All heavy atoms as atom14 arrays in JSON, in Angstrom:
{
  "sequence": "MNYKGSSIDEIASVLNYKRFTLEYNYRLPKSIAKVAQQLQDIKIDLL",
  "atom14_mask": [
    [1, 1, 1, 1, 1, 1, 1, 1, 0, 0, 0, 0, 0, 0],
    [1, 1, 1, 1, 1, 1, 1, 1, 0, 0, 0, 0, 0, 0],
    [1, 1, 1, 1, 1, 1, 1, 1, 1, 1, 1, 1, 0, 0],
    [1, 1, 1, 1, 1, 1, 1, 1, 1, 0, 0, 0, 0, 0],
    [1, 1, 1, 1, 0, 0, 0, 0, 0, 0, 0, 0, 0, 0],
    [1, 1, 1, 1, 1, 1, 0, 0, 0, 0, 0, 0, 0, 0],
    [1, 1, 1, 1, 1, 1, 0, 0, 0, 0, 0, 0, 0, 0],
    [1, 1, 1, 1, 1, 1, 1, 1, 0, 0, 0, 0, 0, 0],
    [1, 1, 1, 1, 1, 1, 1, 1, 0, 0, 0, 0, 0, 0],
    [1, 1, 1, 1, 1, 1, 1, 1, 1, 0, 0, 0, 0, 0],
    [1, 1, 1, 1, 1, 1, 1, 1, 0, 0, 0, 0, 0, 0],
    [1, 1, 1, 1, 1, 0, 0, 0, 0, 0, 0, 0, 0, 0],
    [1, 1, 1, 1, 1, 1, 0, 0, 0, 0, 0, 0, 0, 0],
    [1, 1, 1, 1, 1, 1, 1, 0, 0, 0, 0, 0, 0, 0],
    [1, 1, 1, 1, 1, 1, 1, 1, 0, 0, 0, 0, 0, 0],
    [1, 1, 1, 1, 1, 1, 1, 1, 0, 0, 0, 0, 0, 0],
    [1, 1, 1, 1, 1, 1, 1, 1, 1, 1, 1, 1, 0, 0],
    [1, 1, 1, 1, 1, 1, 1, 1, 1, 0, 0, 0, 0, 0],
    [1, 1, 1, 1, 1, 1, 1, 1, 1, 1, 1, 0, 0, 0],
    [1, 1, 1, 1, 1, 1, 1, 1, 1, 1, 1, 0, 0, 0],
    [1, 1, 1, 1, 1, 1, 1, 0, 0, 0, 0, 0, 0, 0],
    [1, 1, 1, 1, 1, 1, 1, 1, 0, 0, 0, 0, 0, 0],
    [1, 1, 1, 1, 1, 1, 1, 1, 1, 0, 0, 0, 0, 0],
    [1, 1, 1, 1, 1, 1, 1, 1, 1, 1, 1, 1, 0, 0],
    [1, 1, 1, 1, 1, 1, 1, 1, 0, 0, 0, 0, 0, 0],
    [1, 1, 1, 1, 1, 1, 1, 1, 1, 1, 1, 1, 0, 0],
    [1, 1, 1, 1, 1, 1, 1, 1, 1, 1, 1, 0, 0, 0],
    [1, 1, 1, 1, 1, 1, 1, 1, 0, 0, 0, 0, 0, 0],
    [1, 1, 1, 1, 1, 1, 1, 0, 0, 0, 0, 0, 0, 0],
    [1, 1, 1, 1, 1, 1, 1, 1, 1, 0, 0, 0, 0, 0],
    [1, 1, 1, 1, 1, 1, 0, 0, 0, 0, 0, 0, 0, 0],
    [1, 1, 1, 1, 1, 1, 1, 1, 0, 0, 0, 0, 0, 0],
    [1, 1, 1, 1, 1, 0, 0, 0, 0, 0, 0, 0, 0, 0],
    [1, 1, 1, 1, 1, 1, 1, 1, 1, 0, 0, 0, 0, 0],
    [1, 1, 1, 1, 1, 1, 1, 0, 0, 0, 0, 0, 0, 0],
    [1, 1, 1, 1, 1, 0, 0, 0, 0, 0, 0, 0, 0, 0],
    [1, 1, 1, 1, 1, 1, 1, 1, 1, 0, 0, 0, 0, 0],
    [1, 1, 1, 1, 1, 1, 1, 1, 1, 0, 0, 0, 0, 0],
    [1, 1, 1, 1, 1, 1, 1, 1, 0, 0, 0, 0, 0, 0],
    [1, 1, 1, 1, 1, 1, 1, 1, 1, 0, 0, 0, 0, 0],
    [1, 1, 1, 1, 1, 1, 1, 1, 0, 0, 0, 0, 0, 0],
    [1, 1, 1, 1, 1, 1, 1, 1, 0, 0, 0, 0, 0, 0],
    [1, 1, 1, 1, 1, 1, 1, 1, 1, 0, 0, 0, 0, 0],
    [1, 1, 1, 1, 1, 1, 1, 1, 0, 0, 0, 0, 0, 0],
    [1, 1, 1, 1, 1, 1, 1, 1, 0, 0, 0, 0, 0, 0],
    [1, 1, 1, 1, 1, 1, 1, 1, 0, 0, 0, 0, 0, 0],
    [1, 1, 1, 1, 1, 1, 1, 1, 0, 0, 0, 0, 0, 0]
  ],
  "atom14_positions": [
    [[117.66, 97.12, 161.9], [117.5, 96.17, 162.99], [117.2, 96.86, 164.33], [116.82, 96.22, 165.26], [118.74, 95.31, 163.12], [118.91, 94.34, 161.96], [120.45, 93.38, 161.98], [120.16, 92.37, 163.43], [0.0, 0.0, 0.0], [0.0, 0.0, 0.0], [0.0, 0.0, 0.0], [0.0, 0.0, 0.0], [0.0, 0.0, 0.0], [0.0, 0.0, 0.0]],
    [[117.42, 98.14, 164.4], [117.03, 98.93, 165.56], [115.59, 99.36, 165.39], [115.26, 100.1, 164.46], [117.94, 100.13, 165.73], [117.52, 101.04, 166.89], [116.86, 100.6, 167.85], [117.9, 102.3, 166.81], [0.0, 0.0, 0.0], [0.0, 0.0, 0.0], [0.0, 0.0, 0.0], [0.0, 0.0, 0.0], [0.0, 0.0, 0.0], [0.0, 0.0, 0.0]],
    [[114.69, 98.89, 166.28], [113.26, 99.17, 166.11], [112.97, 100.67, 166.21], [111.92, 101.14, 165.78], [112.43, 98.39, 167.12], [112.56, 98.87, 168.55], [111.61, 99.78, 169.07], [113.57, 98.44, 169.39], [111.72, 100.21, 170.39], [113.68, 98.87, 170.66], [112.77, 99.75, 171.17], [112.87, 100.2, 172.48], [0.0, 0.0, 0.0], [0.0, 0.0, 0.0]],
    [[113.92, 101.44, 166.75], [113.74, 102.9, 166.84], [114.3, 103.61, 165.63], [114.25, 104.83, 165.59], [114.42, 103.41, 168.11], [113.83, 102.92, 169.4], [114.53, 103.5, 170.6], [113.91, 103.05, 171.92], [114.6, 103.62, 173.1], [0.0, 0.0, 0.0], [0.0, 0.0, 0.0], [0.0, 0.0, 0.0], [0.0, 0.0, 0.0], [0.0, 0.0, 0.0]],
    [[114.84, 102.88, 164.67], [115.44, 103.49, 163.49], [114.4, 104.05, 162.53], [113.19, 104.01, 162.77], [0.0, 0.0, 0.0], [0.0, 0.0, 0.0], [0.0, 0.0, 0.0], [0.0, 0.0, 0.0], [0.0, 0.0, 0.0], [0.0, 0.0, 0.0], [0.0, 0.0, 0.0], [0.0, 0.0, 0.0], [0.0, 0.0, 0.0], [0.0, 0.0, 0.0]],
    [[114.91, 104.58, 161.44], [114.05, 105.15, 160.4], [114.48, 104.66, 159.04], [115.67, 104.42, 158.81], [114.11, 106.69, 160.43], [113.68, 107.22, 161.7], [0.0, 0.0, 0.0], [0.0, 0.0, 0.0], [0.0, 0.0, 0.0], [0.0, 0.0, 0.0], [0.0, 0.0, 0.0], [0.0, 0.0, 0.0], [0.0, 0.0, 0.0], [0.0, 0.0, 0.0]],
    [[113.53, 104.52, 158.12], [113.87, 104.09, 156.78], [114.66, 105.22, 156.07], [114.6, 106.39, 156.46], [112.61, 103.76, 155.98], [111.87, 104.92, 155.68], [0.0, 0.0, 0.0], [0.0, 0.0, 0.0], [0.0, 0.0, 0.0], [0.0, 0.0, 0.0], [0.0, 0.0, 0.0], [0.0, 0.0, 0.0], [0.0, 0.0, 0.0], [0.0, 0.0, 0.0]],
    [[115.35, 104.85, 155.04], [116.09, 105.84, 154.25], [115.12, 106.85, 153.65], [115.42, 108.06, 153.57], [116.93, 105.16, 153.17], [117.95, 104.22, 153.79], [117.65, 106.21, 152.3], [118.94, 104.88, 154.73], [0.0, 0.0, 0.0], [0.0, 0.0, 0.0], [0.0, 0.0, 0.0], [0.0, 0.0, 0.0], [0.0, 0.0, 0.0], [0.0, 0.0, 0.0]],
    [[113.94, 106.41, 153.22], [112.94, 107.33, 152.69], [112.52, 108.35, 153.71], [112.37, 109.54, 153.44], [111.73, 106.57, 152.17], [111.99, 105.83, 150.87], [112.97, 106.12, 150.19], [111.18, 104.92, 150.53], [0.0, 0.0, 0.0], [0.0, 0.0, 0.0], [0.0, 0.0, 0.0], [0.0, 0.0, 0.0], [0.0, 0.0, 0.0], [0.0, 0.0, 0.0]],
    [[112.3, 107.86, 154.96], [111.92, 108.78, 156.05], [113.03, 109.81, 156.34], [112.76, 111.0, 156.55], [111.59, 108.0, 157.31], [110.3, 107.15, 157.2], [110.12, 106.2, 158.35], [111.12, 105.81, 158.99], [108.98, 105.85, 158.65], [0.0, 0.0, 0.0], [0.0, 0.0, 0.0], [0.0, 0.0, 0.0], [0.0, 0.0, 0.0], [0.0, 0.0, 0.0]],
    [[114.26, 109.33, 156.38], [115.4, 110.21, 156.62], [115.5, 111.27, 155.51], [115.68, 112.47, 155.74], [116.7, 109.42, 156.78], [116.6, 108.52, 158.0], [117.89, 110.36, 156.88], [117.72, 107.5, 158.06], [0.0, 0.0, 0.0], [0.0, 0.0, 0.0], [0.0, 0.0, 0.0], [0.0, 0.0, 0.0], [0.0, 0.0, 0.0], [0.0, 0.0, 0.0]],
    [[115.38, 110.78, 154.28], [115.51, 111.7, 153.11], [114.39, 112.74, 153.07], [114.62, 113.84, 152.59], [115.51, 110.85, 151.83], [0.0, 0.0, 0.0], [0.0, 0.0, 0.0], [0.0, 0.0, 0.0], [0.0, 0.0, 0.0], [0.0, 0.0, 0.0], [0.0, 0.0, 0.0], [0.0, 0.0, 0.0], [0.0, 0.0, 0.0], [0.0, 0.0, 0.0]],
    [[113.2, 112.37, 153.57], [112.12, 113.34, 153.55], [112.34, 114.49, 154.52], [111.8, 115.58, 154.33], [110.79, 112.61, 153.89], [110.77, 112.19, 155.25], [0.0, 0.0, 0.0], [0.0, 0.0, 0.0], [0.0, 0.0, 0.0], [0.0, 0.0, 0.0], [0.0, 0.0, 0.0], [0.0, 0.0, 0.0], [0.0, 0.0, 0.0], [0.0, 0.0, 0.0]],
    [[113.12, 114.25, 155.54], [113.43, 115.28, 156.53], [114.72, 116.04, 156.17], [114.78, 117.26, 156.25], [113.57, 114.69, 157.94], [113.99, 115.73, 158.97], [112.22, 114.05, 158.36], [0.0, 0.0, 0.0], [0.0, 0.0, 0.0], [0.0, 0.0, 0.0], [0.0, 0.0, 0.0], [0.0, 0.0, 0.0], [0.0, 0.0, 0.0], [0.0, 0.0, 0.0]],
    [[115.73, 115.27, 155.74], [116.99, 115.86, 155.37], [117.03, 115.98, 153.83], [117.17, 114.99, 153.14], [118.17, 115.03, 155.86], [118.17, 114.72, 157.36], [119.38, 113.83, 157.73], [118.22, 115.98, 158.17], [0.0, 0.0, 0.0], [0.0, 0.0, 0.0], [0.0, 0.0, 0.0], [0.0, 0.0, 0.0], [0.0, 0.0, 0.0], [0.0, 0.0, 0.0]],
    [[116.92, 117.15, 153.34], [116.88, 117.33, 151.9], [118.26, 117.34, 151.29], [118.72, 118.37, 150.74], [116.13, 118.68, 151.6], [115.81, 118.81, 150.12], [115.62, 117.84, 149.41], [115.75, 120.08, 149.68], [0.0, 0.0, 0.0], [0.0, 0.0, 0.0], [0.0, 0.0, 0.0], [0.0, 0.0, 0.0], [0.0, 0.0, 0.0], [0.0, 0.0, 0.0]],
    [[118.94, 116.18, 151.37], [120.29, 116.07, 150.87], [120.3, 115.43, 149.5], [119.29, 114.81, 149.06], [121.14, 115.21, 151.8], [121.35, 115.75, 153.18], [121.94, 114.94, 154.16], [121.07, 117.07, 153.51], [122.17, 115.42, 155.45], [121.28, 117.55, 154.8], [121.82, 116.71, 155.77], [122.08, 117.2, 157.03], [0.0, 0.0, 0.0], [0.0, 0.0, 0.0]],
    [[121.42, 115.53, 148.8], [121.59, 114.8, 147.54], [121.45, 113.31, 147.83], [122.02, 112.79, 148.79], [122.95, 115.07, 146.92], [123.18, 116.47, 146.43], [124.57, 116.57, 145.76], [124.82, 117.98, 145.24], [126.18, 118.11, 144.65], [0.0, 0.0, 0.0], [0.0, 0.0, 0.0], [0.0, 0.0, 0.0], [0.0, 0.0, 0.0], [0.0, 0.0, 0.0]],
    [[120.71, 112.6, 146.98], [120.45, 111.19, 147.24], [120.98, 110.31, 146.09], [120.76, 110.66, 144.89], [118.96, 110.95, 147.44], [118.62, 109.55, 147.9], [117.16, 109.44, 148.31], [116.81, 108.1, 148.71], [115.58, 107.73, 149.09], [114.6, 108.61, 149.12], [115.35, 106.44, 149.46], [0.0, 0.0, 0.0], [0.0, 0.0, 0.0], [0.0, 0.0, 0.0]],
    [[121.59, 109.2, 146.44], [122.17, 108.3, 145.46], [121.79, 106.86, 145.8], [121.58, 106.53, 146.94], [123.69, 108.45, 145.41], [124.18, 109.82, 145.12], [124.37, 110.72, 146.17], [124.41, 110.22, 143.83], [124.82, 112.02, 145.89], [124.86, 111.52, 143.57], [125.07, 112.41, 144.6], [0.0, 0.0, 0.0], [0.0, 0.0, 0.0], [0.0, 0.0, 0.0]],
    [[121.77, 106.04, 144.74], [121.49, 104.62, 144.95], [122.6, 103.8, 144.31], [122.96, 104.01, 143.17], [120.14, 104.21, 144.32], [119.1, 104.95, 144.92], [119.88, 102.72, 144.47], [0.0, 0.0, 0.0], [0.0, 0.0, 0.0], [0.0, 0.0, 0.0], [0.0, 0.0, 0.0], [0.0, 0.0, 0.0], [0.0, 0.0, 0.0], [0.0, 0.0, 0.0]],
    [[123.17, 102.88, 145.1], [124.15, 101.94, 144.59], [123.38, 100.8, 143.92], [122.53, 100.18, 144.53], [125.03, 101.4, 145.72], [125.89, 102.47, 146.41], [126.63, 101.85, 147.63], [126.89, 103.05, 145.48], [0.0, 0.0, 0.0], [0.0, 0.0, 0.0], [0.0, 0.0, 0.0], [0.0, 0.0, 0.0], [0.0, 0.0, 0.0], [0.0, 0.0, 0.0]],
    [[123.68, 100.52, 142.68], [122.82, 99.67, 141.86], [123.27, 98.23, 141.78], [122.48, 97.37, 141.36], [122.76, 100.24, 140.45], [122.11, 101.66, 140.38], [122.11, 102.21, 138.98], [122.68, 101.59, 138.09], [121.58, 103.36, 138.8], [0.0, 0.0, 0.0], [0.0, 0.0, 0.0], [0.0, 0.0, 0.0], [0.0, 0.0, 0.0], [0.0, 0.0, 0.0]],
    [[124.5, 97.91, 142.15], [125.03, 96.58, 141.88], [125.45, 95.84, 143.15], [125.79, 96.41, 144.16], [126.22, 96.68, 140.92], [125.85, 97.31, 139.6], [126.1, 98.63, 139.35], [125.22, 96.55, 138.63], [125.72, 99.23, 138.14], [124.84, 97.12, 137.4], [125.11, 98.46, 137.18], [124.73, 99.04, 136.0], [0.0, 0.0, 0.0], [0.0, 0.0, 0.0]],
    [[125.34, 94.53, 143.06], [125.74, 93.61, 144.12], [127.06, 92.95, 143.77], [127.14, 92.28, 142.76], [124.62, 92.56, 144.36], [125.12, 91.32, 145.03], [125.87, 91.39, 145.98], [124.71, 90.19, 144.49], [0.0, 0.0, 0.0], [0.0, 0.0, 0.0], [0.0, 0.0, 0.0], [0.0, 0.0, 0.0], [0.0, 0.0, 0.0], [0.0, 0.0, 0.0]],
    [[128.04, 93.11, 144.64], [129.36, 92.53, 144.4], [129.67, 91.39, 145.37], [130.65, 90.68, 145.19], [130.46, 93.6, 144.56], [130.42, 94.66, 143.51], [129.67, 95.81, 143.64], [131.15, 94.52, 142.33], [129.62, 96.8, 142.67], [131.14, 95.47, 141.33], [130.35, 96.63, 141.52], [130.33, 97.56, 140.54], [0.0, 0.0, 0.0], [0.0, 0.0, 0.0]],
    [[128.89, 91.18, 146.4], [129.19, 90.2, 147.44], [128.52, 88.89, 147.16], [129.17, 87.84, 147.2], [128.75, 90.69, 148.8], [128.97, 89.65, 149.91], [128.29, 90.07, 151.2], [128.74, 91.36, 151.59], [128.01, 92.23, 152.31], [126.8, 91.94, 152.68], [128.5, 93.44, 152.64], [0.0, 0.0, 0.0], [0.0, 0.0, 0.0], [0.0, 0.0, 0.0]],
    [[127.21, 88.9, 146.89], [126.45, 87.67, 146.85], [126.55, 86.98, 145.51], [126.25, 87.58, 144.48], [124.97, 87.96, 147.13], [124.63, 88.71, 148.43], [123.12, 88.94, 148.49], [125.09, 87.96, 149.63], [0.0, 0.0, 0.0], [0.0, 0.0, 0.0], [0.0, 0.0, 0.0], [0.0, 0.0, 0.0], [0.0, 0.0, 0.0], [0.0, 0.0, 0.0]],
    [[127.0, 85.73, 145.48], [126.85, 84.98, 144.25], [125.37, 84.79, 143.95], [124.52, 84.9, 144.81], [127.53, 83.63, 144.57], [127.49, 83.52, 146.07], [127.58, 84.93, 146.57], [0.0, 0.0, 0.0], [0.0, 0.0, 0.0], [0.0, 0.0, 0.0], [0.0, 0.0, 0.0], [0.0, 0.0, 0.0], [0.0, 0.0, 0.0], [0.0, 0.0, 0.0]],
    [[125.05, 84.53, 142.7], [123.64, 84.41, 142.32], [122.89, 83.33, 143.07], [121.71, 83.46, 143.35], [123.52, 84.2, 140.78], [123.92, 85.43, 139.99], [123.76, 85.18, 138.5], [124.15, 86.43, 137.7], [124.02, 86.23, 136.23], [0.0, 0.0, 0.0], [0.0, 0.0, 0.0], [0.0, 0.0, 0.0], [0.0, 0.0, 0.0], [0.0, 0.0, 0.0]],
    [[123.63, 82.29, 143.46], [123.01, 81.2, 144.22], [122.46, 81.69, 145.53], [121.39, 81.23, 145.97], [124.02, 80.08, 144.45], [125.19, 80.55, 145.02], [0.0, 0.0, 0.0], [0.0, 0.0, 0.0], [0.0, 0.0, 0.0], [0.0, 0.0, 0.0], [0.0, 0.0, 0.0], [0.0, 0.0, 0.0], [0.0, 0.0, 0.0], [0.0, 0.0, 0.0]],
    [[123.15, 82.62, 146.22], [122.64, 83.17, 147.47], [121.7, 84.34, 147.2], [120.69, 84.52, 147.92], [123.82, 83.63, 148.34], [124.67, 82.41, 148.72], [123.33, 84.33, 149.59], [125.9, 82.74, 149.55], [0.0, 0.0, 0.0], [0.0, 0.0, 0.0], [0.0, 0.0, 0.0], [0.0, 0.0, 0.0], [0.0, 0.0, 0.0], [0.0, 0.0, 0.0]],
    [[121.94, 85.12, 146.16], [121.09, 86.27, 145.84], [119.66, 85.79, 145.57], [118.71, 86.5, 145.94], [121.66, 87.01, 144.65], [0.0, 0.0, 0.0], [0.0, 0.0, 0.0], [0.0, 0.0, 0.0], [0.0, 0.0, 0.0], [0.0, 0.0, 0.0], [0.0, 0.0, 0.0], [0.0, 0.0, 0.0], [0.0, 0.0, 0.0], [0.0, 0.0, 0.0]],
    [[119.49, 84.64, 144.94], [118.15, 84.12, 144.67], [117.39, 83.91, 145.96], [116.2, 84.2, 146.03], [118.26, 82.8, 143.89], [118.74, 82.96, 142.45], [118.94, 81.59, 141.8], [119.5, 81.71, 140.38], [119.77, 80.41, 139.78], [0.0, 0.0, 0.0], [0.0, 0.0, 0.0], [0.0, 0.0, 0.0], [0.0, 0.0, 0.0], [0.0, 0.0, 0.0]],
    [[118.08, 83.37, 146.97], [117.44, 83.12, 148.27], [117.16, 84.44, 148.99], [116.1, 84.66, 149.52], [118.35, 82.22, 149.11], [117.76, 82.08, 150.54], [118.48, 80.83, 148.48], [0.0, 0.0, 0.0], [0.0, 0.0, 0.0], [0.0, 0.0, 0.0], [0.0, 0.0, 0.0], [0.0, 0.0, 0.0], [0.0, 0.0, 0.0], [0.0, 0.0, 0.0]],
    [[118.15, 85.34, 148.96], [117.99, 86.64, 149.64], [116.83, 87.44, 149.04], [116.08, 88.06, 149.77], [119.28, 87.45, 149.53], [0.0, 0.0, 0.0], [0.0, 0.0, 0.0], [0.0, 0.0, 0.0], [0.0, 0.0, 0.0], [0.0, 0.0, 0.0], [0.0, 0.0, 0.0], [0.0, 0.0, 0.0], [0.0, 0.0, 0.0], [0.0, 0.0, 0.0]],
    [[116.67, 87.33, 147.74], [115.6, 88.05, 147.01], [114.24, 87.6, 147.54], [113.27, 88.39, 147.58], [115.71, 87.82, 145.55], [115.03, 88.84, 144.69], [115.85, 90.06, 144.41], [117.03, 90.02, 144.18], [115.23, 91.22, 144.46], [0.0, 0.0, 0.0], [0.0, 0.0, 0.0], [0.0, 0.0, 0.0], [0.0, 0.0, 0.0], [0.0, 0.0, 0.0]],
    [[114.11, 86.34, 147.92], [112.84, 85.81, 148.37], [112.64, 85.97, 149.89], [111.53, 85.85, 150.39], [112.71, 84.33, 147.98], [112.62, 84.15, 146.44], [112.34, 82.72, 146.05], [112.76, 81.77, 146.69], [111.61, 82.55, 144.97], [0.0, 0.0, 0.0], [0.0, 0.0, 0.0], [0.0, 0.0, 0.0], [0.0, 0.0, 0.0], [0.0, 0.0, 0.0]],
    [[113.73, 86.16, 150.62], [113.62, 86.38, 152.05], [113.1, 87.77, 152.38], [112.52, 87.98, 153.47], [114.99, 86.19, 152.7], [115.5, 84.75, 152.88], [116.91, 84.76, 153.44], [114.57, 83.95, 153.81], [0.0, 0.0, 0.0], [0.0, 0.0, 0.0], [0.0, 0.0, 0.0], [0.0, 0.0, 0.0], [0.0, 0.0, 0.0], [0.0, 0.0, 0.0]],
    [[113.37, 88.72, 151.49], [113.07, 90.1, 151.84], [112.56, 90.81, 150.57], [112.97, 90.52, 149.46], [114.36, 90.8, 152.35], [114.2, 92.18, 152.82], [113.29, 92.34, 154.02], [112.06, 92.41, 153.81], [113.82, 92.39, 155.22], [0.0, 0.0, 0.0], [0.0, 0.0, 0.0], [0.0, 0.0, 0.0], [0.0, 0.0, 0.0], [0.0, 0.0, 0.0]],
    [[111.68, 91.74, 150.79], [111.13, 92.57, 149.71], [112.07, 93.74, 149.49], [112.02, 94.71, 150.24], [109.73, 93.03, 150.02], [109.11, 93.87, 148.91], [109.57, 93.75, 147.75], [108.17, 94.67, 149.21], [0.0, 0.0, 0.0], [0.0, 0.0, 0.0], [0.0, 0.0, 0.0], [0.0, 0.0, 0.0], [0.0, 0.0, 0.0], [0.0, 0.0, 0.0]],
    [[112.93, 93.64, 148.5], [113.9, 94.68, 148.27], [113.71, 95.28, 146.9], [113.28, 94.62, 145.94], [115.35, 94.15, 148.41], [115.6, 92.97, 147.49], [115.64, 93.76, 149.84], [116.98, 92.4, 147.6], [0.0, 0.0, 0.0], [0.0, 0.0, 0.0], [0.0, 0.0, 0.0], [0.0, 0.0, 0.0], [0.0, 0.0, 0.0], [0.0, 0.0, 0.0]],
    [[114.06, 96.54, 146.79], [113.84, 97.3, 145.55], [114.9, 96.96, 144.51], [114.64, 96.99, 143.31], [113.84, 98.78, 145.86], [112.68, 99.26, 146.75], [112.76, 100.77, 146.99], [111.61, 101.21, 147.89], [111.65, 102.68, 148.19], [0.0, 0.0, 0.0], [0.0, 0.0, 0.0], [0.0, 0.0, 0.0], [0.0, 0.0, 0.0], [0.0, 0.0, 0.0]],
    [[116.15, 96.7, 144.95], [117.21, 96.43, 144.05], [117.24, 94.97, 143.64], [117.19, 94.08, 144.49], [118.57, 96.86, 144.66], [118.57, 98.35, 144.93], [119.72, 96.5, 143.73], [119.79, 98.83, 145.68], [0.0, 0.0, 0.0], [0.0, 0.0, 0.0], [0.0, 0.0, 0.0], [0.0, 0.0, 0.0], [0.0, 0.0, 0.0], [0.0, 0.0, 0.0]],
    [[117.29, 94.69, 142.35], [117.33, 93.32, 141.82], [118.73, 92.79, 142.02], [119.65, 93.15, 141.25], [116.9, 93.29, 140.37], [116.71, 91.88, 139.83], [117.27, 90.95, 140.44], [116.04, 91.71, 138.82], [0.0, 0.0, 0.0], [0.0, 0.0, 0.0], [0.0, 0.0, 0.0], [0.0, 0.0, 0.0], [0.0, 0.0, 0.0], [0.0, 0.0, 0.0]],
    [[118.92, 91.89, 142.99], [120.26, 91.36, 143.27], [120.75, 90.4, 142.21], [121.95, 90.08, 142.15], [120.26, 90.64, 144.64], [119.94, 91.51, 145.87], [119.82, 90.64, 147.1], [121.03, 92.56, 146.06], [0.0, 0.0, 0.0], [0.0, 0.0, 0.0], [0.0, 0.0, 0.0], [0.0, 0.0, 0.0], [0.0, 0.0, 0.0], [0.0, 0.0, 0.0]],
    [[119.84, 89.94, 141.34], [120.22, 89.0, 140.3], [120.59, 89.71, 139.0], [121.66, 89.53, 138.44], [119.09, 88.0, 140.05], [118.79, 87.04, 141.2], [117.51, 86.29, 140.96], [119.95, 86.11, 141.38], [0.0, 0.0, 0.0], [0.0, 0.0, 0.0], [0.0, 0.0, 0.0], [0.0, 0.0, 0.0], [0.0, 0.0, 0.0], [0.0, 0.0, 0.0]]
  ]
}
């Protein structure tokens, strides 16, 4: 949300650190996840 920020990919390309991805969604019920999935282009399948 900070227009001066950087994507995780951009940060990772500069900082050669160990990288991990959290794969699961514990907050959103599927009823909301369906909507969130269409609001934004995200790599992780929330459903």
